[in-house]
Amino acid sequence: MNVSVIFKIAGIGICIALLNQILIKSGKEEMAMMTTLAGVIIVLVIIVKMLAEFFDTIKVFMQF
């Protein structure tokens, strides 16, 4: 596992948290919820992609 992925996910989390707080303070709670949901979906896509690579690697090693 690459450390840059952890930093990427942490950076996305920090950006989404800041944007969420700004939107809540300006009275746009619905947009804040959608922004949080978009951030969660982005992180899940990254994790699913990593899991697919992991299973492909395991499949290659199991063929030997």
PDB file of N, CA and C in Angstrom:
ATOM      1  N   MET A   1       0.839  -1.180   0.000  1.00  0.00           N
ATOM      2  CA  MET A   1       0.000   0.000   0.000  1.00  0.00           C
ATOM      3  C   MET A   1       0.882   1.240   0.000  1.00  0.00           C
ATOM      4  N   ASN A   2       0.500   2.168  -0.807  1.00  0.00           N
ATOM      5  CA  ASN A   2       1.282   3.382  -0.962  1.00  0.00           C
ATOM      6  C   ASN A   2       0.812   4.443   0.043  1.00  0.00           C
ATOM      7  N   VAL A   3       1.759   5.149   0.625  1.00  0.00           N
ATOM      8  CA  VAL A   3       1.429   6.167   1.625  1.00  0.00           C
ATOM      9  C   VAL A   3       0.717   7.348   0.983  1.00  0.00           C
ATOM     10  N   SER A   4       0.969   7.584  -0.293  1.00  0.00           N
ATOM     11  CA  SER A   4       0.331   8.721  -0.958  1.00  0.00           C
ATOM     12  C   SER A   4      -1.188   8.568  -1.020  1.00  0.00           C
ATOM     13  N   VAL A   5      -1.674   7.336  -1.043  1.00  0.00           N
ATOM     14  CA  VAL A   5      -3.123   7.113  -1.052  1.00  0.00           C
ATOM     15  C   VAL A   5      -3.726   7.584   0.266  1.00  0.00           C
ATOM     16  N   ILE A   6      -3.037   7.319   1.365  1.00  0.00           N
ATOM     17  CA  ILE A   6      -3.523   7.763   2.673  1.00  0.00           C
ATOM     18  C   ILE A   6      -3.568   9.279   2.727  1.00  0.00           C
ATOM     19  N   PHE A   7      -2.533   9.940   2.215  1.00  0.00           N
ATOM     20  CA  PHE A   7      -2.523  11.397   2.192  1.00  0.00           C
ATOM     21  C   PHE A   7      -3.606  11.951   1.270  1.00  0.00           C
ATOM     22  N   LYS A   8      -3.856  11.264   0.154  1.00  0.00           N
ATOM     23  CA  LYS A   8      -4.903  11.702  -0.771  1.00  0.00           C
ATOM     24  C   LYS A   8      -6.273  11.633  -0.098  1.00  0.00           C
ATOM     25  N   ILE A   9      -6.543  10.537   0.592  1.00  0.00           N
ATOM     26  CA  ILE A   9      -7.830  10.378   1.275  1.00  0.00           C
ATOM     27  C   ILE A   9      -7.958  11.387   2.412  1.00  0.00           C
ATOM     28  N   ALA A  10      -6.871  11.618   3.144  1.00  0.00           N
ATOM     29  CA  ALA A  10      -6.904  12.609   4.217  1.00  0.00           C
ATOM     30  C   ALA A  10      -7.126  14.013   3.657  1.00  0.00           C
ATOM     31  N   GLY A  11      -6.488  14.332   2.538  1.00  0.00           N
ATOM     32  CA  GLY A  11      -6.667  15.639   1.916  1.00  0.00           C
ATOM     33  C   GLY A  11      -8.096  15.847   1.453  1.00  0.00           C
ATOM     34  N   ILE A  12      -8.687  14.816   0.872  1.00  0.00           N
ATOM     35  CA  ILE A  12     -10.088  14.905   0.456  1.00  0.00           C
ATOM     36  C   ILE A  12     -10.977  15.132   1.676  1.00  0.00           C
ATOM     37  N   GLY A  13     -10.690  14.415   2.745  1.00  0.00           N
ATOM     38  CA  GLY A  13     -11.485  14.571   3.969  1.00  0.00           C
ATOM     39  C   GLY A  13     -11.395  15.960   4.549  1.00  0.00           C
ATOM     40  N   ILE A  14     -10.196  16.527   4.574  1.00  0.00           N
ATOM     41  CA  ILE A  14     -10.023  17.878   5.113  1.00  0.00           C
ATOM     42  C   ILE A  14     -10.741  18.902   4.239  1.00  0.00           C
ATOM     43  N   CYS A  15     -10.587  18.782   2.922  1.00  0.00           N
ATOM     44  CA  CYS A  15     -11.257  19.723   2.006  1.00  0.00           C
ATOM     45  C   CYS A  15     -12.772  19.641   2.134  1.00  0.00           C
ATOM     46  N   ILE A  16     -13.298  18.440   2.203  1.00  0.00           N
ATOM     47  CA  ILE A  16     -14.745  18.271   2.330  1.00  0.00           C
ATOM     48  C   ILE A  16     -15.234  18.811   3.675  1.00  0.00           C
ATOM     49  N   ALA A  17     -14.478  18.594   4.737  1.00  0.00           N
ATOM     50  CA  ALA A  17     -14.879  19.106   6.055  1.00  0.00           C
ATOM     51  C   ALA A  17     -14.904  20.635   6.065  1.00  0.00           C
ATOM     52  N   LEU A  18     -13.894  21.263   5.463  1.00  0.00           N
ATOM     53  CA  LEU A  18     -13.877  22.729   5.405  1.00  0.00           C
ATOM     54  C   LEU A  18     -15.039  23.264   4.574  1.00  0.00           C
ATOM     55  N   LEU A  19     -15.253  22.672   3.419  1.00  0.00           N
ATOM     56  CA  LEU A  19     -16.349  23.100   2.563  1.00  0.00           C
ATOM     57  C   LEU A  19     -17.694  22.879   3.244  1.00  0.00           C
ATOM     58  N   ASN A  20     -17.811  21.787   3.963  1.00  0.00           N
ATOM     59  CA  ASN A  20     -19.037  21.484   4.695  1.00  0.00           C
ATOM     60  C   ASN A  20     -19.319  22.564   5.740  1.00  0.00           C
ATOM     61  N   GLN A  21     -18.307  22.947   6.503  1.00  0.00           N
ATOM     62  CA  GLN A  21     -18.492  23.975   7.527  1.00  0.00           C
ATOM     63  C   GLN A  21     -18.838  25.328   6.923  1.00  0.00           C
ATOM     64  N   ILE A  22     -18.199  25.674   5.805  1.00  0.00           N
ATOM     65  CA  ILE A  22     -18.500  26.946   5.142  1.00  0.00           C
ATOM     66  C   ILE A  22     -19.952  26.964   4.665  1.00  0.00           C
ATOM     67  N   LEU A  23     -20.394  25.867   4.076  1.00  0.00           N
ATOM     68  CA  LEU A  23     -21.773  25.815   3.582  1.00  0.00           C
ATOM     69  C   LEU A  23     -22.790  25.837   4.721  1.00  0.00           C
ATOM     70  N   ILE A  24     -22.488  25.173   5.831  1.00  0.00           N
ATOM     71  CA  ILE A  24     -23.407  25.185   6.971  1.00  0.00           C
ATOM     72  C   ILE A  24     -23.509  26.583   7.560  1.00  0.00           C
ATOM     73  N   LYS A  25     -22.383  27.275   7.684  1.00  0.00           N
ATOM     74  CA  LYS A  25     -22.385  28.636   8.243  1.00  0.00           C
ATOM     75  C   LYS A  25     -23.146  29.609   7.348  1.00  0.00           C
ATOM     76  N   SER A  26     -23.156  29.354   6.045  1.00  0.00           N
ATOM     77  CA  SER A  26     -23.872  30.250   5.134  1.00  0.00           C
ATOM     78  C   SER A  26     -25.340  29.849   4.971  1.00  0.00           C
ATOM     79  N   GLY A  27     -25.775  28.818   5.686  1.00  0.00           N
ATOM     80  CA  GLY A  27     -27.181  28.431   5.678  1.00  0.00           C
ATOM     81  C   GLY A  27     -27.579  27.496   4.556  1.00  0.00           C
ATOM     82  N   LYS A  28     -26.623  26.841   3.952  1.00  0.00           N
ATOM     83  CA  LYS A  28     -26.928  25.922   2.848  1.00  0.00           C
ATOM     84  C   LYS A  28     -26.672  24.479   3.294  1.00  0.00           C
ATOM     85  N   GLU A  29     -27.530  24.022   4.207  1.00  0.00           N
ATOM     86  CA  GLU A  29     -27.343  22.694   4.777  1.00  0.00           C
ATOM     87  C   GLU A  29     -27.506  21.584   3.739  1.00  0.00           C
ATOM     88  N   GLU A  30     -28.417  21.791   2.769  1.00  0.00           N
ATOM     89  CA  GLU A  30     -28.628  20.762   1.750  1.00  0.00           C
ATOM     90  C   GLU A  30     -27.381  20.586   0.887  1.00  0.00           C
ATOM     91  N   MET A  31     -26.770  21.706   0.516  1.00  0.00           N
ATOM     92  CA  MET A  31     -25.543  21.636  -0.284  1.00  0.00           C
ATOM     93  C   MET A  31     -24.402  21.013   0.526  1.00  0.00           C
ATOM     94  N   ALA A  32     -24.376  21.288   1.829  1.00  0.00           N
ATOM     95  CA  ALA A  32     -23.353  20.700   2.687  1.00  0.00           C
ATOM     96  C   ALA A  32     -23.502  19.184   2.737  1.00  0.00           C
ATOM     97  N   MET A  33     -24.739  18.716   2.809  1.00  0.00           N
ATOM     98  CA  MET A  33     -24.983  17.276   2.835  1.00  0.00           C
ATOM     99  C   MET A  33     -24.574  16.636   1.510  1.00  0.00           C
ATOM    100  N   MET A  34     -24.896  17.287   0.405  1.00  0.00           N
ATOM    101  CA  MET A  34     -24.525  16.751  -0.903  1.00  0.00           C
ATOM    102  C   MET A  34     -23.009  16.736  -1.087  1.00  0.00           C
ATOM    103  N   THR A  35     -22.330  17.753  -0.570  1.00  0.00           N
ATOM    104  CA  THR A  35     -20.875  17.812  -0.655  1.00  0.00           C
ATOM    105  C   THR A  35     -20.246  16.681   0.149  1.00  0.00           C
ATOM    106  N   THR A  36     -20.774  16.446   1.332  1.00  0.00           N
ATOM    107  CA  THR A  36     -20.272  15.345   2.158  1.00  0.00           C
ATOM    108  C   THR A  36     -20.503  14.006   1.470  1.00  0.00           C
ATOM    109  N   LEU A  37     -21.678  13.843   0.888  1.00  0.00           N
ATOM    110  CA  LEU A  37     -21.982  12.607   0.177  1.00  0.00           C
ATOM    111  C   LEU A  37     -21.050  12.409  -1.020  1.00  0.00           C
ATOM    112  N   ALA A  38     -20.765  13.489  -1.739  1.00  0.00           N
ATOM    113  CA  ALA A  38     -19.845  13.403  -2.881  1.00  0.00           C
ATOM    114  C   ALA A  38     -18.445  13.005  -2.414  1.00  0.00           C
ATOM    115  N   GLY A  39     -18.001  13.552  -1.287  1.00  0.00           N
ATOM    116  CA  GLY A  39     -16.693  13.191  -0.748  1.00  0.00           C
ATOM    117  C   GLY A  39     -16.610  11.729  -0.361  1.00  0.00           C
ATOM    118  N   VAL A  40     -17.664  11.230   0.251  1.00  0.00           N
ATOM    119  CA  VAL A  40     -17.702   9.812   0.633  1.00  0.00           C
ATOM    120  C   VAL A  40     -17.658   8.927  -0.606  1.00  0.00           C
ATOM    121  N   ILE A  41     -18.387   9.309  -1.637  1.00  0.00           N
ATOM    122  CA  ILE A  41     -18.408   8.513  -2.867  1.00  0.00           C
ATOM    123  C   ILE A  41     -17.040   8.506  -3.530  1.00  0.00           C
ATOM    124  N   ILE A  42     -16.365   9.657  -3.541  1.00  0.00           N
ATOM    125  CA  ILE A  42     -15.021   9.729  -4.138  1.00  0.00           C
ATOM    126  C   ILE A  42     -14.057   8.811  -3.408  1.00  0.00           C
ATOM    127  N   VAL A  43     -14.097   8.842  -2.085  1.00  0.00           N
ATOM    128  CA  VAL A  43     -13.205   7.985  -1.294  1.00  0.00           C
ATOM    129  C   VAL A  43     -13.551   6.510  -1.504  1.00  0.00           C
ATOM    130  N   LEU A  44     -14.830   6.188  -1.586  1.00  0.00           N
ATOM    131  CA  LEU A  44     -15.213   4.792  -1.835  1.00  0.00           C
ATOM    132  C   LEU A  44     -14.741   4.305  -3.196  1.00  0.00           C
ATOM    133  N   VAL A  45     -14.775   5.176  -4.200  1.00  0.00           N
ATOM    134  CA  VAL A  45     -14.280   4.789  -5.524  1.00  0.00           C
ATOM    135  C   VAL A  45     -12.788   4.497  -5.465  1.00  0.00           C
ATOM    136  N   ILE A  46     -12.043   5.324  -4.731  1.00  0.00           N
ATOM    137  CA  ILE A  46     -10.596   5.086  -4.577  1.00  0.00           C
ATOM    138  C   ILE A  46     -10.348   3.742  -3.897  1.00  0.00           C
ATOM    139  N   ILE A  47     -11.109   3.452  -2.847  1.00  0.00           N
ATOM    140  CA  ILE A  47     -10.916   2.212  -2.102  1.00  0.00           C
ATOM    141  C   ILE A  47     -11.300   0.999  -2.944  1.00  0.00           C
ATOM    142  N   VAL A  48     -12.398   1.094  -3.698  1.00  0.00           N
ATOM    143  CA  VAL A  48     -12.812  -0.028  -4.546  1.00  0.00           C
ATOM    144  C   VAL A  48     -11.763  -0.289  -5.622  1.00  0.00           C
ATOM    145  N   LYS A  49     -11.193   0.776  -6.175  1.00  0.00           N
ATOM    146  CA  LYS A  49     -10.136   0.607  -7.180  1.00  0.00           C
ATOM    147  C   LYS A  49      -8.919  -0.102  -6.578  1.00  0.00           C
ATOM    148  N   MET A  50      -8.554   0.274  -5.352  1.00  0.00           N
ATOM    149  CA  MET A  50      -7.431  -0.382  -4.686  1.00  0.00           C
ATOM    150  C   MET A  50      -7.736  -1.850  -4.409  1.00  0.00           C
ATOM    151  N   LEU A  51      -8.967  -2.153  -3.996  1.00  0.00           N
ATOM    152  CA  LEU A  51      -9.345  -3.545  -3.745  1.00  0.00           C
ATOM    153  C   LEU A  51      -9.316  -4.372  -5.027  1.00  0.00           C
ATOM    154  N   ALA A  52      -9.730  -3.782  -6.139  1.00  0.00           N
ATOM    155  CA  ALA A  52      -9.686  -4.504  -7.416  1.00  0.00           C
ATOM    156  C   ALA A  52      -8.243  -4.832  -7.798  1.00  0.00           C
ATOM    157  N   GLU A  53      -7.336  -3.870  -7.600  1.00  0.00           N
ATOM    158  CA  GLU A  53      -5.924  -4.135  -7.881  1.00  0.00           C
ATOM    159  C   GLU A  53      -5.379  -5.218  -6.962  1.00  0.00           C
ATOM    160  N   PHE A  54      -5.799  -5.196  -5.699  1.00  0.00           N
ATOM    161  CA  PHE A  54      -5.357  -6.196  -4.735  1.00  0.00           C
ATOM    162  C   PHE A  54      -5.802  -7.604  -5.153  1.00  0.00           C
ATOM    163  N   PHE A  55      -7.079  -7.741  -5.547  1.00  0.00           N
ATOM    164  CA  PHE A  55      -7.578  -9.052  -5.953  1.00  0.00           C
ATOM    165  C   PHE A  55      -6.945  -9.521  -7.256  1.00  0.00           C
ATOM    166  N   ASP A  56      -6.646  -8.597  -8.165  1.00  0.00           N
ATOM    167  CA  ASP A  56      -5.936  -8.976  -9.386  1.00  0.00           C
ATOM    168  C   ASP A  56      -4.544  -9.509  -9.066  1.00  0.00           C
ATOM    169  N   THR A  57      -3.874  -8.876  -8.121  1.00  0.00           N
ATOM    170  CA  THR A  57      -2.543  -9.330  -7.705  1.00  0.00           C
ATOM    171  C   THR A  57      -2.619 -10.707  -7.091  1.00  0.00           C
ATOM    172  N   ILE A  58      -3.622 -10.927  -6.244  1.00  0.00           N
ATOM    173  CA  ILE A  58      -3.787 -12.248  -5.618  1.00  0.00           C
ATOM    174  C   ILE A  58      -4.077 -13.305  -6.672  1.00  0.00           C
ATOM    175  N   LYS A  59      -4.894 -12.958  -7.682  1.00  0.00           N
ATOM    176  CA  LYS A  59      -5.226 -13.915  -8.734  1.00  0.00           C
ATOM    177  C   LYS A  59      -3.972 -14.313  -9.511  1.00  0.00           C
ATOM    178  N   VAL A  60      -3.073 -13.372  -9.766  1.00  0.00           N
ATOM    179  CA  VAL A  60      -1.836 -13.670 -10.478  1.00  0.00           C
ATOM    180  C   VAL A  60      -0.948 -14.605  -9.654  1.00  0.00           C
ATOM    181  N   PHE A  61      -0.848 -14.350  -8.340  1.00  0.00           N
ATOM    182  CA  PHE A  61      -0.010 -15.198  -7.496  1.00  0.00           C
ATOM    183  C   PHE A  61      -0.601 -16.579  -7.295  1.00  0.00           C
ATOM    184  N   MET A  62      -1.919 -16.701  -7.354  1.00  0.00           N
ATOM    185  CA  MET A  62      -2.544 -17.999  -7.159  1.00  0.00           C
ATOM    186  C   MET A  62      -2.377 -18.887  -8.413  1.00  0.00           C
ATOM    187  N   GLN A  63      -2.091 -18.317  -9.548  1.00  0.00           N
ATOM    188  CA  GLN A  63      -1.911 -19.110 -10.764  1.00  0.00           C
ATOM    189  C   GLN A  63      -0.591 -19.865 -10.748  1.00  0.00           C
ATOM    190  N   PHE A  64       0.369 -19.415  -9.972  1.00  0.00           N
ATOM    191  CA  PHE A  64       1.651 -20.106  -9.914  1.00  0.00           C
ATOM    192  C   PHE A  64       1.473 -21.306  -9.084  1.00  0.00           C
TER     193      PHE A  64
END
